[in-house]
Amino acid sequence: MAILKNNWLRTSSLIALMLAFFVTANASENNEEKKAEKDKPEKTILATTWHFIGTSLSEVFEEDKWQSADPGESSCSSAARPLPCAYTVTDEDIADTDELVTYLRATHQNNPSAVAPAADSRKLEE
């Protein structure tokens, strides 16, 4: 009877020790993963300025009416005019005009009239 008690005690102790080992190993593994995530550099978003080359408000969501290069228009101003002229995106990386239009639609609830007030500069309709 004493032998059975000792075997059960040894087995239970061994199981408890193994369980403690696995829990500790798993915890340190999770800590290393969290530390690695913290050490990752944050994604840098580059500000991109886009220029509207369209002539009416109905063209604001057309990809071919925007370009990343400055068209050299001098009619852009800070006055309250109906069209956007230059629009800078600072919270997302925008690679092309398709992404820009998707961003504008999402940001301005698919409302072309809301784009001009958010633009850096504005221009008159032609």
Protein backbone atom coordinates (compact mmCIF):
# COMPACT_ATOMS: atom_id res chain seq x y z
CA MET A 1 0.00 0.00 0.00
CA ALA A 2 2.85 2.39 0.85
CA ILE A 3 4.46 1.65 -2.52
CA LEU A 4 1.28 2.65 -4.37
CA LYS A 5 1.09 5.93 -2.42
CA ASN A 6 4.70 6.75 -3.25
CA ASN A 7 4.23 5.97 -6.96
CA TRP A 8 1.11 8.12 -7.11
CA LEU A 9 2.91 10.95 -5.29
CA ARG A 10 5.92 10.75 -7.60
CA THR A 11 3.72 10.64 -10.70
CA SER A 12 1.59 13.58 -9.51
CA SER A 13 4.70 15.60 -8.66
CA LEU A 14 6.24 14.86 -12.04
CA ILE A 15 3.03 15.89 -13.86
CA ALA A 16 2.80 19.10 -11.83
CA LEU A 17 6.46 19.90 -12.56
CA MET A 18 6.00 19.30 -16.30
CA LEU A 19 2.85 21.42 -16.35
CA ALA A 20 4.67 24.28 -14.61
CA PHE A 21 7.52 23.99 -17.12
CA PHE A 22 5.18 24.19 -20.13
CA VAL A 23 3.24 27.14 -18.71
CA THR A 24 6.47 29.04 -18.01
CA ALA A 25 7.90 28.24 -21.46
CA ASN A 26 4.69 29.37 -23.16
CA ALA A 27 4.58 32.61 -21.15
CA SER A 28 8.16 33.53 -22.02
CA GLU A 29 7.48 32.72 -25.69
CA ASN A 30 4.49 35.10 -25.68
CA ASN A 31 6.58 37.81 -24.02
CA GLU A 32 9.24 37.46 -26.71
CA GLU A 33 6.60 37.79 -29.43
CA LYS A 34 5.15 40.91 -27.80
CA LYS A 35 8.62 42.41 -27.43
CA ALA A 36 9.37 41.69 -31.09
CA GLU A 37 6.14 43.45 -32.09
CA LYS A 38 7.09 46.49 -30.00
CA ASP A 39 10.55 46.61 -31.56
CA LYS A 40 9.14 46.78 -35.10
CA PRO A 41 9.42 50.27 -36.53
CA GLU A 42 6.11 51.98 -37.08
CA LYS A 43 5.00 52.27 -40.68
CA THR A 44 5.83 55.71 -42.00
CA ILE A 45 3.18 57.26 -44.19
CA LEU A 46 4.45 59.74 -46.70
CA ALA A 47 2.25 62.73 -47.38
CA THR A 48 1.18 62.84 -51.02
CA THR A 49 -0.21 65.90 -52.75
CA TRP A 50 -2.58 65.33 -55.62
CA HIS A 51 -3.74 67.94 -58.12
CA PHE A 52 -7.22 68.06 -59.57
CA ILE A 53 -7.13 68.82 -63.30
CA GLY A 54 -10.85 68.46 -63.91
CA THR A 55 -13.13 71.35 -64.72
CA SER A 56 -16.34 70.51 -62.84
CA LEU A 57 -17.49 69.08 -59.54
CA SER A 58 -18.93 66.00 -61.28
CA GLU A 59 -15.35 64.94 -62.21
CA VAL A 60 -13.98 64.81 -58.66
CA PHE A 61 -14.27 61.00 -58.45
CA GLU A 62 -12.77 60.32 -61.88
CA GLU A 63 -9.26 58.82 -61.79
CA ASP A 64 -8.04 60.60 -64.93
CA LYS A 65 -8.85 64.01 -63.43
CA TRP A 66 -6.12 63.76 -60.76
CA GLN A 67 -2.34 63.74 -61.06
CA SER A 68 0.52 63.67 -58.60
CA ALA A 69 2.66 66.17 -60.51
CA ASP A 70 1.88 69.85 -60.12
CA PRO A 71 0.16 70.99 -63.34
CA GLY A 72 1.55 74.50 -62.79
CA GLU A 73 -1.83 76.19 -62.56
CA SER A 74 -1.71 79.56 -60.88
CA SER A 75 -5.48 79.68 -60.34
CA CYS A 76 -5.26 77.73 -57.06
CA SER A 77 -5.94 79.74 -53.94
CA SER A 78 -7.12 79.42 -50.37
CA ALA A 79 -10.39 81.18 -51.21
CA ALA A 80 -13.71 79.33 -50.96
CA ARG A 81 -14.02 78.09 -54.52
CA PRO A 82 -16.12 75.12 -55.70
CA LEU A 83 -13.36 72.75 -56.88
CA PRO A 84 -10.37 71.21 -55.14
CA CYS A 85 -7.02 72.19 -56.61
CA ALA A 86 -4.32 70.55 -54.47
CA TYR A 87 -5.25 67.80 -52.01
CA THR A 88 -2.69 66.33 -49.60
CA VAL A 89 -3.24 62.88 -48.11
CA THR A 90 -1.34 62.42 -44.83
CA ASP A 91 -3.04 59.43 -43.19
CA GLU A 92 -2.61 56.77 -45.92
CA ASP A 93 -0.09 55.84 -48.59
CA ILE A 94 -1.75 56.50 -51.93
CA ALA A 95 0.10 54.92 -54.85
CA ASP A 96 -2.08 55.90 -57.80
CA THR A 97 -5.21 57.78 -58.82
CA ASP A 98 -7.40 54.69 -58.40
CA GLU A 99 -6.40 54.49 -54.73
CA LEU A 100 -6.88 58.25 -54.40
CA VAL A 101 -10.46 58.13 -55.68
CA THR A 102 -11.23 55.16 -53.40
CA TYR A 103 -9.79 57.16 -50.47
CA LEU A 104 -11.77 60.30 -51.40
CA ARG A 105 -15.03 58.37 -51.73
CA ALA A 106 -14.53 56.72 -48.33
CA THR A 107 -13.31 59.85 -46.55
CA HIS A 108 -16.01 62.16 -47.93
CA GLN A 109 -18.95 59.70 -47.90
CA ASN A 110 -19.11 59.61 -51.71
CA ASN A 111 -19.99 63.34 -51.74
CA PRO A 112 -17.98 65.35 -54.31
CA SER A 113 -19.02 68.64 -52.66
CA ALA A 114 -17.17 67.62 -49.49
CA VAL A 115 -13.81 67.18 -51.23
CA ALA A 116 -13.10 70.87 -52.02
CA PRO A 117 -13.44 72.16 -48.43
CA ALA A 118 -10.90 69.53 -47.33
CA ALA A 119 -8.41 70.42 -50.07
CA ASP A 120 -5.23 72.44 -49.47
CA SER A 121 -6.24 74.88 -52.17
CA ARG A 122 -9.24 75.41 -54.39
CA LYS A 123 -10.10 76.70 -57.83
CA LEU A 124 -13.03 77.94 -59.88
CA GLU A 125 -15.02 75.81 -62.29
CA GLU A 126 -14.13 76.44 -65.90
